[in-house]
């Protein structure tokens, strides 16, 4: 029997799979616990993929800096009479904002994915598997600049003293920490409690997810009586919606386990009269979802069309 999914969306950050400590020689897994008490895992990005993504981002930043230098040079010429201090200060501020702002905007606001990470199919997530937010984004951006930024900043300012440059150069070697850590975490990851994983967008077979009402189903594997129906609540509908978004992204082995855990909990609370076998757990959840939709459509037709 084909598995049934009653929702098709999830945050496209990753596609959790049943976790193993390690696969192959380089691919490590980061395990998380789903709300259904089922373990799933994200595949950690390799240091080489992260490096390529970073080089793409650096190339974009260099292009922005070249444009900044060109505009700044024009401003310096125009303000030469006043010493050019205002233009020079603006250039320095823009240099900092470009380096920090680029990573903050893309990682902190666009769900942990810079242009380089998008090309390499990588994404930053929290250690619990959730998407990162502005707080994690700004922490990562500042930490990255503190590690990598001093050396190019001094060169940008025209400081070419060998002794001074060598005094700050050792900090840049902290960037290579991700080649040592088992989960490819760099210093910004440790400070922000994040890690970079491979993005696996679920493959969908439909464009518009649709859950029919219970009476519209062609066959009922799990018929409901009035008492069982009365024990279903709008809160159950919300939980089933949330569970469905996760279920469609879980690997097949963990998927049945997760579905059975949720079905057993719901059937026990409903005092459902018929046993639910693991292979039919998704169908049970699907039909309970459909029954709730029918009930809510009758009570609130404007909200549940």
Protein backbone atom coordinates (compact mmCIF):
# COMPACT_ATOMS: atom_id res chain seq x y z
CA UNK A 1 0.00 0.00 0.00
CA UNK A 2 1.33 3.42 -0.93
CA UNK A 3 2.14 5.72 2.03
CA UNK A 4 -0.22 8.64 2.49
CA UNK A 5 0.94 12.18 3.19
CA UNK A 6 -1.64 14.77 4.09
CA UNK A 7 0.69 17.76 3.76
CA UNK A 8 3.55 18.39 1.39
CA UNK A 9 5.44 21.31 2.83
CA UNK A 10 8.25 21.81 5.29
CA UNK A 11 10.94 24.38 5.76
CA UNK A 12 13.13 23.47 2.81
CA UNK A 13 16.21 23.80 5.00
CA UNK A 14 16.94 20.10 4.96
CA UNK A 15 15.41 16.73 4.60
CA UNK A 16 15.93 14.79 7.85
CA UNK A 17 16.75 11.12 7.50
CA UNK A 18 17.08 8.32 9.97
CA UNK A 19 20.39 9.04 11.63
CA UNK A 20 23.65 7.17 11.55
CA UNK A 21 26.85 8.38 13.17
CA UNK A 22 28.78 8.35 9.96
CA UNK A 23 28.31 7.44 6.31
CA UNK A 24 31.27 6.80 4.04
CA UNK A 25 34.52 8.55 4.92
CA UNK A 26 33.58 12.24 5.04
CA UNK A 27 29.81 12.52 5.49
CA UNK A 28 28.86 12.84 9.15
CA UNK A 29 25.34 12.98 10.55
CA UNK A 30 23.93 15.38 13.13
CA UNK A 31 21.08 13.69 14.97
CA UNK A 32 18.05 15.53 16.32
CA UNK A 33 14.93 14.33 18.09
CA UNK A 34 11.62 15.00 16.36
CA UNK A 35 8.57 15.88 18.47
CA UNK A 36 7.30 12.32 17.90
CA UNK A 37 10.31 10.96 19.89
CA UNK A 38 11.88 9.67 16.68
CA UNK A 39 15.50 10.29 15.80
CA UNK A 40 16.28 11.95 12.50
CA UNK A 41 19.53 13.34 11.19
CA UNK A 42 20.95 16.02 8.95
CA UNK A 43 23.92 15.33 6.73
CA UNK A 44 26.73 17.65 7.74
CA UNK A 45 28.39 19.62 4.94
CA UNK A 46 31.93 18.62 4.10
CA UNK A 47 34.69 21.20 4.69
CA UNK A 48 35.43 21.21 0.96
CA UNK A 49 31.83 22.08 0.06
CA UNK A 50 31.87 24.83 2.70
CA UNK A 51 35.15 26.19 1.33
CA UNK A 52 33.80 26.32 -2.23
CA UNK A 53 30.65 28.07 -1.01
CA UNK A 54 32.78 30.57 0.91
CA UNK A 55 34.96 31.27 -2.14
CA UNK A 56 31.82 32.03 -4.17
CA UNK A 57 30.66 34.43 -1.45
CA UNK A 58 34.10 36.04 -1.28
CA UNK A 59 34.07 36.56 -5.06
CA UNK A 60 30.74 38.38 -4.75
CA UNK A 61 32.02 40.45 -1.82
CA UNK A 62 35.16 41.33 -3.81
CA UNK A 63 32.95 42.55 -6.64
CA UNK A 64 31.05 44.75 -4.19
CA UNK A 65 34.32 46.04 -2.73
CA UNK A 66 35.65 46.88 -6.19
CA UNK A 67 32.51 48.92 -6.81
CA UNK A 68 33.03 50.53 -3.40
CA UNK A 69 36.65 51.42 -4.21
CA UNK A 70 35.60 52.95 -7.54
CA UNK A 71 32.85 55.04 -5.95
CA UNK A 72 35.12 55.93 -3.03
CA UNK A 73 37.87 57.09 -5.36
CA UNK A 74 35.45 59.43 -7.07
CA UNK A 75 34.32 60.76 -3.70
CA UNK A 76 37.92 61.27 -2.59
CA UNK A 77 38.65 63.30 -5.72
CA UNK A 78 35.49 65.35 -5.23
CA UNK A 79 36.22 66.03 -1.55
CA UNK A 80 39.98 66.50 -1.88
CA UNK A 81 39.63 70.17 -1.00
CA UNK A 82 38.29 69.26 2.44
CA UNK A 83 40.93 66.64 3.02
CA UNK A 84 38.73 63.75 1.91
CA UNK A 85 38.23 62.57 5.51
CA UNK A 86 34.45 62.20 5.15
CA UNK A 87 34.77 60.07 2.03
CA UNK A 88 37.51 57.98 3.66
CA UNK A 89 35.35 57.37 6.74
CA UNK A 90 32.39 56.37 4.58
CA UNK A 91 34.59 53.92 2.67
CA UNK A 92 35.71 52.27 5.91
CA UNK A 93 32.16 52.02 7.21
CA UNK A 94 30.94 50.55 3.92
CA UNK A 95 33.85 48.08 3.92
CA UNK A 96 32.75 46.79 7.31
CA UNK A 97 29.06 46.75 6.42
CA UNK A 98 29.65 44.82 3.20
CA UNK A 99 31.73 42.14 4.91
CA UNK A 100 29.45 41.73 7.92
CA UNK A 101 26.15 42.68 6.31
CA UNK A 102 26.43 40.22 3.43
CA UNK A 103 26.55 37.18 5.70
CA UNK A 104 24.09 38.63 8.22
CA UNK A 105 21.44 39.39 5.62
CA UNK A 106 21.68 36.11 3.73
CA UNK A 107 22.18 33.81 6.72
CA UNK A 108 20.19 35.64 9.38
CA UNK A 109 17.24 36.75 7.26
CA UNK A 110 17.16 34.31 4.34
CA UNK A 111 17.12 31.17 6.52
CA UNK A 112 20.81 30.44 6.65
CA UNK A 113 21.68 30.39 2.98
CA UNK A 114 24.11 32.73 1.23
CA UNK A 115 24.50 32.75 -2.53
CA UNK A 116 27.51 30.46 -2.23
CA UNK A 117 25.63 28.04 0.01
CA UNK A 118 22.68 28.11 -2.38
CA UNK A 119 24.95 27.13 -5.28
CA UNK A 120 26.56 24.34 -3.21
CA UNK A 121 23.18 23.25 -1.76
CA UNK A 122 24.17 23.99 1.83
CA UNK A 123 22.34 25.74 4.64
CA UNK A 124 23.05 26.88 8.20
CA UNK A 125 20.73 25.49 10.88
CA UNK A 126 20.57 25.54 14.67
CA UNK A 127 21.90 22.51 16.50
CA UNK A 128 18.32 21.44 17.30
CA UNK A 129 17.51 21.32 13.58
CA UNK A 130 15.50 24.56 13.38
CA UNK A 131 16.26 27.37 10.98
CA UNK A 132 18.52 30.13 12.24
CA UNK A 133 17.31 33.69 12.76
CA UNK A 134 18.80 37.20 12.88
CA UNK A 135 20.46 36.58 16.26
CA UNK A 136 22.47 33.62 15.01
CA UNK A 137 23.11 35.43 11.74
CA UNK A 138 24.67 38.50 13.36
CA UNK A 139 26.77 36.39 15.76
CA UNK A 140 28.14 34.31 12.90
CA UNK A 141 28.81 37.39 10.77
CA UNK A 142 30.73 39.21 13.52
CA UNK A 143 32.72 36.15 14.54
CA UNK A 144 33.66 35.46 10.92
CA UNK A 145 34.81 39.06 10.49
CA UNK A 146 36.84 38.97 13.72
CA UNK A 147 38.65 35.85 12.52
CA UNK A 148 39.12 36.54 8.82
CA UNK A 149 38.61 40.29 8.61
CA UNK A 150 41.63 41.87 10.41
CA UNK A 151 44.24 40.95 7.81
CA UNK A 152 42.37 42.15 4.69
CA UNK A 153 41.11 45.17 6.64
CA UNK A 154 44.67 46.30 7.39
CA UNK A 155 45.67 45.81 3.77
CA UNK A 156 42.59 47.75 2.68
CA UNK A 157 43.62 50.58 5.01
CA UNK A 158 47.08 50.63 3.45
CA UNK A 159 48.93 49.08 6.41
CA UNK A 160 51.79 47.08 4.89
CA UNK A 161 54.02 46.71 7.96
CA UNK A 162 55.20 43.08 7.92
CA UNK A 163 55.53 42.90 11.69
CA UNK A 164 52.04 44.30 12.26
CA UNK A 165 50.47 42.05 9.66
CA UNK A 166 52.13 38.97 11.17
CA UNK A 167 50.79 39.95 14.59
CA UNK A 168 47.17 39.56 13.43
CA UNK A 169 47.70 36.78 10.89
CA UNK A 170 47.48 33.92 13.46
CA UNK A 171 43.82 34.76 14.10
CA UNK A 172 43.04 33.86 10.51
CA UNK A 173 44.17 30.29 11.13
CA UNK A 174 41.09 29.80 13.34
CA UNK A 175 39.15 29.61 10.07
CA UNK A 176 40.69 26.17 9.50
CA UNK A 177 39.08 24.79 12.66
CA UNK A 178 36.24 23.34 10.60
CA UNK A 179 38.75 20.95 8.98
CA UNK A 180 39.42 19.51 12.44
CA UNK A 181 35.95 19.34 13.96
CA UNK A 182 34.01 16.12 13.34
CA UNK A 183 30.89 18.04 12.27
CA UNK A 184 32.79 20.67 10.29
CA UNK A 185 31.90 23.40 12.76
CA UNK A 186 33.91 26.58 12.71
CA UNK A 187 34.38 29.05 15.56
CA UNK A 188 31.25 31.03 14.52
CA UNK A 189 29.26 27.78 14.69
CA UNK A 190 30.41 27.06 18.24
CA UNK A 191 29.59 30.58 19.41
CA UNK A 192 26.17 30.70 17.69
CA UNK A 193 25.30 26.99 18.31
CA UNK A 194 24.84 26.33 14.60
CA UNK A 195 26.17 24.00 11.95
CA UNK A 196 26.14 23.79 8.17
CA UNK A 197 24.29 20.89 6.55
CA UNK A 198 23.52 19.67 3.08
CA UNK A 199 20.16 20.84 1.82
CA UNK A 200 17.91 18.09 0.53
CA UNK A 201 14.64 19.45 -0.80
CA UNK A 202 11.88 16.83 -0.64
CA UNK A 203 10.71 15.53 -4.00
CA UNK A 204 7.01 16.20 -4.35
CA UNK A 205 4.52 14.45 -6.57
CA UNK A 206 1.89 17.17 -6.39
CA UNK A 207 1.69 20.93 -6.65
CA UNK A 208 -1.32 21.76 -4.48
CA UNK A 209 -1.65 19.66 -1.32
CA UNK A 210 -5.30 18.93 -0.60
CA UNK A 211 -7.04 17.09 2.22
CA UNK A 212 -10.68 16.18 1.47
CA UNK A 213 -13.35 16.10 4.13
CA UNK A 214 -14.02 12.74 5.76
CA UNK A 215 -17.27 12.05 3.90
CA UNK A 216 -15.50 12.68 0.57
CA UNK A 217 -13.02 9.82 1.06
CA UNK A 218 -13.84 6.88 -1.23
CA UNK A 219 -13.15 4.34 1.52
CA UNK A 220 -12.77 4.46 5.30
CA UNK A 221 -10.16 2.16 6.79
CA UNK A 222 -10.89 3.64 10.21
CA UNK A 223 -14.60 4.42 10.66
CA UNK A 224 -15.51 6.81 13.48
CA UNK A 225 -18.48 6.78 15.81
CA UNK A 226 -19.91 9.94 17.35
CA UNK A 227 -18.10 9.52 20.69
CA UNK A 228 -14.72 9.13 19.00
CA UNK A 229 -15.43 12.06 16.72
CA UNK A 230 -16.35 14.25 19.70
CA UNK A 231 -12.93 13.66 21.26
CA UNK A 232 -11.17 15.26 18.31
CA UNK A 233 -10.38 18.94 18.90
CA UNK A 234 -9.16 21.90 16.84
CA UNK A 235 -5.85 21.52 18.69
CA UNK A 236 -5.56 18.03 17.20
CA UNK A 237 -6.06 19.54 13.77
CA UNK A 238 -3.19 21.96 14.34
CA UNK A 239 -0.94 19.16 15.64
CA UNK A 240 -1.78 16.95 12.67
CA UNK A 241 -1.01 19.82 10.30
CA UNK A 242 2.37 20.34 11.95
CA UNK A 243 3.10 16.63 12.04
CA UNK A 244 2.23 16.29 8.39
CA UNK A 245 4.73 18.93 7.39
CA UNK A 246 7.45 16.96 9.13
CA UNK A 247 6.28 13.54 7.99
CA UNK A 248 6.71 14.27 4.29
CA UNK A 249 10.41 14.92 4.80
CA UNK A 250 11.36 11.94 6.98
CA UNK A 251 13.07 8.92 5.47
CA UNK A 252 10.96 5.81 4.94
CA UNK A 253 12.32 3.85 7.91
CA UNK A 254 11.90 6.63 10.45
CA UNK A 255 8.65 7.73 8.80
CA UNK A 256 6.64 4.67 9.84
CA UNK A 257 8.06 4.88 13.34
CA UNK A 258 7.10 8.56 13.63
CA UNK A 259 3.62 7.97 12.19
CA UNK A 260 2.98 5.08 14.59
CA UNK A 261 4.07 7.13 17.60
CA UNK A 262 1.66 9.92 16.66
CA UNK A 263 -1.17 7.52 15.75
CA UNK A 264 -0.83 5.57 19.00
CA UNK A 265 -0.97 8.76 21.07
CA UNK A 266 -4.04 10.06 19.23
CA UNK A 267 -5.87 6.71 19.24
CA UNK A 268 -5.29 6.30 22.99
CA UNK A 269 -6.64 9.75 23.79
CA UNK A 270 -9.63 9.21 21.48
CA UNK A 271 -10.24 5.76 23.03
CA UNK A 272 -10.42 4.47 19.49
CA UNK A 273 -12.01 1.02 19.32
CA UNK A 274 -10.00 -0.44 16.46
CA UNK A 275 -6.27 -1.32 16.66
CA UNK A 276 -3.88 0.62 14.44
CA UNK A 277 -1.12 -1.40 12.79
CA UNK A 278 2.18 0.38 12.04
CA UNK A 279 1.78 0.01 8.27
CA UNK A 280 -1.61 1.74 8.47
CA UNK A 281 -0.55 4.49 10.89
CA UNK A 282 -0.31 7.18 8.18
CA UNK A 283 -3.73 6.26 6.83
CA UNK A 284 -5.17 6.53 10.34
CA UNK A 285 -3.69 10.02 10.74
CA UNK A 286 -4.91 10.97 7.28
CA UNK A 287 -8.49 9.92 8.06
CA UNK A 288 -8.49 11.62 11.47
CA UNK A 289 -7.23 14.76 9.75
CA UNK A 290 -10.01 14.50 7.18
CA UNK A 291 -12.60 13.95 9.92
CA UNK A 292 -11.39 17.02 11.77
CA UNK A 293 -11.49 19.05 8.59
CA UNK A 294 -15.10 18.04 8.00
CA UNK A 295 -16.02 18.89 11.58
CA UNK A 296 -14.31 22.28 11.46
CA UNK A 297 -15.79 23.08 8.04
CA UNK A 298 -19.26 22.59 9.50
CA UNK A 299 -18.50 24.73 12.56
CA UNK A 300 -16.39 27.44 10.87
CA UNK A 301 -17.09 27.35 7.12
CA UNK A 302 -15.33 30.66 6.51
CA UNK A 303 -12.08 29.55 8.16
CA UNK A 304 -11.82 26.01 6.85
CA UNK A 305 -12.85 26.18 3.21
